[in-house]
């Protein structure tokens, strides 16, 4: 568990600092923010730092598949609830049904092989940690989107959030477990996480925050396991169980309901997910590539 946590935090530290250093306006962003926006930055940094601190221990306790399903599946639910609680708007029936279908489909898709075998005891602590990771993801998506829709550059917002969070988790890299850095495998995984799951993923993610509601965007990240499954079947000649195929179909239906416009509202009928005041829409992601890299940490 300690090794996974150290590698995940190292990826955030390296990628976050790189994102900060290469993002125009990141250094001047705190000064350009209002007092309430600075508090949002602080909360966003804590949320970003909270993701690897909770997700990687969850993986160690429950396995990659279960932790991924819980974290990705809970994130859109938390995003919708946070949007509602902060007074933006109630999640629509369309979003609720589509997200429920997507979560169910994702669960069946990933858990299909286990459903045909013997049930194993569930680690409740691991489940709680994975849910906390989903909450962290939803929170920093909403906060980042709010700051961006206030007119701040997306790259600067992502650079500050992830750069500061990277520094915040640096002690875990240094004091928890460092011998892995001297190994080829450990260093390769850390660099991969830094470049692809933090630097590149969140540079694109920041741009997406300008146009996509957070409740919808976090639901759309459930497409990640579906893409991985399809690639496994078509490229690697893998086989899916019948439960996984059913899950893939249900997941596809949920994603279609989220993305195909319905009347004038379309996918934007869902709350934008801002944390305060009224405003436009918000988006991650794990970041679409994160879970793939996490698998390589096993």
Protein backbone atom coordinates (compact mmCIF):
# COMPACT_ATOMS: atom_id res chain seq x y z
CA UNK A 1 0.00 0.00 0.00
CA UNK A 2 2.78 2.43 0.91
CA UNK A 3 4.53 1.89 -2.41
CA UNK A 4 1.36 2.57 -4.41
CA UNK A 5 0.69 5.69 -2.36
CA UNK A 6 4.25 6.95 -2.81
CA UNK A 7 4.22 6.37 -6.58
CA UNK A 8 0.82 8.03 -6.97
CA UNK A 9 1.88 11.06 -4.94
CA UNK A 10 5.17 11.25 -6.87
CA UNK A 11 3.19 11.40 -10.12
CA UNK A 12 1.06 14.23 -8.74
CA UNK A 13 4.13 16.11 -7.46
CA UNK A 14 6.09 15.86 -10.72
CA UNK A 15 3.12 16.45 -12.98
CA UNK A 16 1.65 19.22 -10.84
CA UNK A 17 4.91 21.18 -10.66
CA UNK A 18 5.40 20.76 -14.42
CA UNK A 19 1.85 21.96 -15.04
CA UNK A 20 2.41 24.98 -12.80
CA UNK A 21 5.74 25.94 -14.40
CA UNK A 22 4.38 25.69 -17.96
CA UNK A 23 1.03 27.41 -17.36
CA UNK A 24 0.95 31.07 -18.26
CA UNK A 25 -0.56 33.18 -15.50
CA UNK A 26 -0.28 30.51 -12.81
CA UNK A 27 2.14 32.53 -10.69
CA UNK A 28 -0.06 35.62 -10.72
CA UNK A 29 -3.39 33.80 -10.29
CA UNK A 30 -3.66 34.05 -6.46
CA UNK A 31 -3.11 37.82 -6.63
CA UNK A 32 -5.73 38.13 -9.38
CA UNK A 33 -8.35 36.24 -7.35
CA UNK A 34 -10.83 37.79 -4.98
CA UNK A 35 -10.80 36.75 -1.33
CA UNK A 36 -13.60 34.14 -1.79
CA UNK A 37 -11.80 32.78 -4.86
CA UNK A 38 -8.61 32.32 -2.86
CA UNK A 39 -10.55 30.20 -0.39
CA UNK A 40 -11.83 28.16 -3.33
CA UNK A 41 -8.22 27.70 -4.45
CA UNK A 42 -7.30 26.40 -1.00
CA UNK A 43 -10.23 23.97 -0.97
CA UNK A 44 -9.38 22.86 -4.51
CA UNK A 45 -5.77 22.17 -3.59
CA UNK A 46 -6.88 20.06 -0.62
CA UNK A 47 -9.32 18.15 -2.84
CA UNK A 48 -6.66 17.43 -5.48
CA UNK A 49 -4.22 16.25 -2.82
CA UNK A 50 -6.92 14.10 -1.28
CA UNK A 51 -7.44 12.01 -4.41
CA UNK A 52 -4.19 9.98 -4.43
CA UNK A 53 -4.12 9.86 -0.62
CA UNK A 54 -7.46 8.04 -0.64
CA UNK A 55 -7.54 6.23 -3.99
CA UNK A 56 -4.26 4.31 -3.82
CA UNK A 57 -4.89 2.89 -0.33
CA UNK A 58 -8.37 1.93 -1.59
CA UNK A 59 -6.75 0.04 -4.48
CA UNK A 60 -4.49 -1.79 -2.03
CA UNK A 61 -7.49 -2.87 0.07
CA UNK A 62 -10.14 -3.63 -2.57
CA UNK A 63 -8.25 -4.09 -5.84
CA UNK A 64 -8.13 -1.88 -8.93
CA UNK A 65 -11.53 -2.88 -10.33
CA UNK A 66 -13.60 -2.28 -7.19
CA UNK A 67 -11.78 0.94 -6.24
CA UNK A 68 -12.16 2.28 -9.78
CA UNK A 69 -15.88 1.50 -9.96
CA UNK A 70 -16.58 3.12 -6.58
CA UNK A 71 -14.43 6.22 -7.20
CA UNK A 72 -15.65 6.83 -10.76
CA UNK A 73 -19.22 5.83 -9.94
CA UNK A 74 -19.54 8.04 -6.87
CA UNK A 75 -17.94 11.13 -8.43
CA UNK A 76 -20.91 12.17 -10.63
CA UNK A 77 -23.30 11.54 -7.75
CA UNK A 78 -21.22 13.77 -5.47
CA UNK A 79 -20.95 16.40 -8.23
CA UNK A 80 -24.73 16.51 -8.63
CA UNK A 81 -25.31 16.66 -4.88
CA UNK A 82 -22.72 19.41 -4.37
CA UNK A 83 -24.28 21.43 -7.18
CA UNK A 84 -27.67 21.04 -5.52
CA UNK A 85 -26.44 21.82 -2.00
CA UNK A 86 -24.64 24.96 -3.17
CA UNK A 87 -27.88 26.28 -4.64
CA UNK A 88 -27.21 25.99 -8.37
CA UNK A 89 -30.13 23.76 -9.32
CA UNK A 90 -31.59 20.36 -8.71
CA UNK A 91 -30.19 17.54 -10.86
CA UNK A 92 -32.79 16.77 -13.52
CA UNK A 93 -34.61 13.47 -13.84
CA UNK A 94 -32.78 12.94 -17.14
CA UNK A 95 -29.36 13.32 -15.51
CA UNK A 96 -30.34 11.16 -12.54
CA UNK A 97 -31.58 8.31 -14.74
CA UNK A 98 -28.66 8.51 -17.16
CA UNK A 99 -26.09 8.60 -14.36
CA UNK A 100 -27.74 5.71 -12.53
CA UNK A 101 -27.64 3.66 -15.75
CA UNK A 102 -24.00 4.58 -16.35
CA UNK A 103 -22.97 3.66 -12.81
CA UNK A 104 -24.84 0.34 -12.99
CA UNK A 105 -23.36 -0.45 -16.39
CA UNK A 106 -19.85 0.40 -15.22
CA UNK A 107 -20.27 -1.83 -12.18
CA UNK A 108 -21.47 -4.77 -14.28
CA UNK A 109 -18.75 -4.24 -16.86
CA UNK A 110 -15.86 -4.20 -14.39
CA UNK A 111 -17.29 -6.72 -11.93
CA UNK A 112 -18.57 -9.18 -14.53
CA UNK A 113 -15.82 -11.78 -14.04
CA UNK A 114 -16.24 -11.69 -10.25
CA UNK A 115 -20.01 -12.12 -10.53
CA UNK A 116 -19.51 -15.56 -12.03
CA UNK A 117 -17.15 -16.71 -9.30
CA UNK A 118 -17.17 -16.88 -5.52
CA UNK A 119 -17.95 -13.72 -3.65
CA UNK A 120 -15.11 -12.30 -1.59
CA UNK A 121 -15.51 -10.25 1.60
CA UNK A 122 -15.66 -6.52 0.94
CA UNK A 123 -13.20 -4.29 2.76
CA UNK A 124 -15.40 -1.49 4.11
CA UNK A 125 -12.44 0.76 4.82
CA UNK A 126 -11.30 0.40 1.21
CA UNK A 127 -14.83 1.17 -0.02
CA UNK A 128 -14.96 4.31 2.16
CA UNK A 129 -11.55 5.45 0.88
CA UNK A 130 -12.62 4.95 -2.75
CA UNK A 131 -15.79 6.97 -2.10
CA UNK A 132 -13.65 9.74 -0.58
CA UNK A 133 -11.58 9.71 -3.77
CA UNK A 134 -14.78 10.18 -5.77
CA UNK A 135 -15.75 13.09 -3.52
CA UNK A 136 -12.31 14.66 -3.98
CA UNK A 137 -12.59 14.35 -7.76
CA UNK A 138 -16.05 15.91 -7.81
CA UNK A 139 -14.98 18.75 -5.51
CA UNK A 140 -11.92 19.86 -7.47
CA UNK A 141 -13.81 19.55 -10.75
CA UNK A 142 -16.50 21.90 -9.45
CA UNK A 143 -14.01 24.33 -7.91
CA UNK A 144 -11.79 24.42 -11.00
CA UNK A 145 -14.78 24.99 -13.23
CA UNK A 146 -16.09 27.79 -11.04
CA UNK A 147 -12.78 29.65 -11.11
CA UNK A 148 -12.51 29.22 -14.87
CA UNK A 149 -16.04 30.49 -15.51
CA UNK A 150 -15.12 33.53 -13.41
CA UNK A 151 -12.72 34.42 -16.21
CA UNK A 152 -9.44 32.98 -14.96
CA UNK A 153 -7.30 31.09 -17.55
CA UNK A 154 -7.90 27.35 -17.42
CA UNK A 155 -4.21 26.46 -17.58
CA UNK A 156 -3.44 28.83 -14.71
CA UNK A 157 -6.21 27.37 -12.55
CA UNK A 158 -5.11 23.79 -13.18
CA UNK A 159 -1.47 24.74 -12.71
CA UNK A 160 -2.08 26.29 -9.28
CA UNK A 161 -4.41 23.53 -8.07
CA UNK A 162 -2.14 20.66 -9.10
CA UNK A 163 1.18 22.39 -8.46
CA UNK A 164 0.25 23.29 -4.89
CA UNK A 165 -1.31 19.87 -4.30
CA UNK A 166 1.89 18.24 -5.56
CA UNK A 167 3.91 20.16 -2.98
CA UNK A 168 1.36 19.24 -0.32
CA UNK A 169 1.82 15.49 -0.87
CA UNK A 170 5.60 15.69 -1.36
CA UNK A 171 6.31 14.61 2.26
CA UNK A 172 4.49 11.35 1.55
CA UNK A 173 6.87 10.70 -1.36
CA UNK A 174 9.95 11.47 0.71
CA UNK A 175 9.09 9.86 4.04
CA UNK A 176 6.76 6.98 3.19
CA UNK A 177 8.75 4.97 0.64
CA UNK A 178 11.59 6.11 -1.62
CA UNK A 179 13.48 2.95 -2.61
CA UNK A 180 11.08 2.41 -5.54
CA UNK A 181 12.46 5.53 -7.25
CA UNK A 182 15.75 3.73 -7.84
CA UNK A 183 14.00 0.94 -9.75
CA UNK A 184 13.24 1.16 -13.46
CA UNK A 185 9.64 0.10 -12.98
CA UNK A 186 8.91 2.57 -10.20
CA UNK A 187 10.53 5.51 -11.97
CA UNK A 188 8.77 4.67 -15.25
CA UNK A 189 5.35 4.51 -13.61
CA UNK A 190 5.93 7.79 -11.75
CA UNK A 191 6.98 9.58 -14.95
CA UNK A 192 4.02 8.11 -16.83
CA UNK A 193 1.61 9.30 -14.14
CA UNK A 194 3.22 12.74 -14.15
CA UNK A 195 3.16 13.29 -17.91
CA UNK A 196 -0.05 11.59 -19.00
CA UNK A 197 -2.43 11.43 -16.06
CA UNK A 198 -1.61 14.85 -14.60
CA UNK A 199 0.15 17.19 -17.03
CA UNK A 200 -1.55 16.32 -20.32
CA UNK A 201 -4.86 15.10 -18.91
CA UNK A 202 -5.50 18.21 -16.84
CA UNK A 203 -4.32 20.63 -19.47
CA UNK A 204 -7.11 19.28 -21.68
CA UNK A 205 -9.40 18.95 -18.68
CA UNK A 206 -9.09 22.64 -17.92
CA UNK A 207 -10.20 23.55 -21.44
CA UNK A 208 -13.20 21.23 -21.10
CA UNK A 209 -14.28 22.93 -17.89
CA UNK A 210 -15.34 25.96 -19.90
CA UNK A 211 -18.04 24.13 -21.82
CA UNK A 212 -19.27 21.04 -19.92
CA UNK A 213 -21.30 20.89 -16.69
CA UNK A 214 -19.40 19.10 -13.94
CA UNK A 215 -22.28 16.73 -13.22
CA UNK A 216 -22.33 15.62 -16.85
CA UNK A 217 -18.56 15.52 -17.27
CA UNK A 218 -17.95 13.36 -14.22
CA UNK A 219 -20.62 10.97 -15.49
CA UNK A 220 -18.94 10.85 -18.90
CA UNK A 221 -15.70 9.66 -17.30
CA UNK A 222 -17.51 6.37 -16.73
CA UNK A 223 -16.84 5.75 -20.42
CA UNK A 224 -13.23 4.99 -19.54
CA UNK A 225 -13.77 1.36 -18.45
CA UNK A 226 -15.94 0.84 -21.55
CA UNK A 227 -13.17 2.08 -23.86
CA UNK A 228 -10.65 -0.14 -22.08
CA UNK A 229 -12.96 -3.15 -22.45
CA UNK A 230 -13.56 -2.54 -26.17
CA UNK A 231 -9.83 -2.13 -26.80
CA UNK A 232 -9.15 -5.31 -24.86
CA UNK A 233 -11.59 -7.26 -27.04
CA UNK A 234 -10.61 -5.75 -30.40
CA UNK A 235 -6.87 -5.28 -29.95
CA UNK A 236 -5.80 -7.81 -27.32
CA UNK A 237 -8.32 -10.53 -28.25
CA UNK A 238 -9.70 -10.67 -24.72
CA UNK A 239 -13.14 -12.05 -23.85
CA UNK A 240 -15.90 -10.46 -21.78
CA UNK A 241 -18.38 -12.34 -19.63
CA UNK A 242 -22.09 -12.06 -20.40
CA UNK A 243 -22.55 -9.77 -17.36
CA UNK A 244 -19.81 -7.48 -18.69
CA UNK A 245 -21.49 -7.27 -22.09
CA UNK A 246 -24.80 -6.38 -20.45
CA UNK A 247 -22.98 -3.76 -18.41
CA UNK A 248 -21.36 -2.33 -21.54
CA UNK A 249 -24.78 -1.96 -23.17
CA UNK A 250 -26.34 -0.30 -20.12
CA UNK A 251 -23.34 2.01 -19.76
CA UNK A 252 -23.58 3.01 -23.43
CA UNK A 253 -27.27 3.79 -22.99
CA UNK A 254 -26.56 6.02 -20.00
CA UNK A 255 -23.82 7.90 -21.85
CA UNK A 256 -26.09 8.42 -24.87
CA UNK A 257 -28.79 9.88 -22.62
CA UNK A 258 -26.22 12.26 -21.16
CA UNK A 259 -24.82 13.50 -24.46
CA UNK A 260 -27.74 13.57 -26.91
CA UNK A 261 -29.66 16.85 -26.61
CA UNK A 262 -33.26 16.62 -25.46
CA UNK A 263 -35.32 19.61 -26.52
CA UNK A 264 -33.62 22.90 -25.75
CA UNK A 265 -31.94 21.79 -22.52
CA UNK A 266 -29.83 18.93 -23.78
CA UNK A 267 -27.02 17.78 -21.61
CA UNK A 268 -26.76 21.25 -20.09
CA UNK A 269 -30.00 20.80 -18.18
CA UNK A 270 -27.91 19.57 -15.28
CA UNK A 271 -26.57 21.97 -12.72
CA UNK A 272 -23.34 23.64 -13.74
CA UNK A 273 -21.76 22.62 -10.46
CA UNK A 274 -20.47 25.98 -9.36
CA UNK A 275 -19.73 26.26 -5.69
CA UNK A 276 -21.04 29.74 -5.17
CA UNK A 277 -23.20 32.20 -7.02
CA UNK A 278 -24.78 31.56 -10.39
CA UNK A 279 -22.70 30.94 -13.43
CA UNK A 280 -21.95 28.84 -16.44
CA UNK A 281 -21.09 25.22 -16.65
CA UNK A 282 -18.30 23.24 -15.21
CA UNK A 283 -16.58 19.97 -16.04
CA UNK A 284 -12.31 15.52 -15.26
CA UNK A 285 -10.99 13.15 -15.31
CA UNK A 286 -9.40 11.20 -13.50
CA UNK A 287 -8.68 12.03 -15.62
CA UNK A 288 -9.27 9.60 -18.33
CA UNK A 289 -5.86 7.95 -18.33
CA UNK A 290 -5.30 7.73 -14.58
CA UNK A 291 -6.82 4.35 -13.90
CA UNK A 292 -4.78 2.68 -16.64
CA UNK A 293 -1.59 3.90 -15.04
CA UNK A 294 -2.85 2.88 -11.65
CA UNK A 295 -3.25 -0.66 -12.87
CA UNK A 296 0.44 -0.75 -13.73
CA UNK A 297 1.27 -0.02 -10.12
CA UNK A 298 0.09 -3.46 -9.05
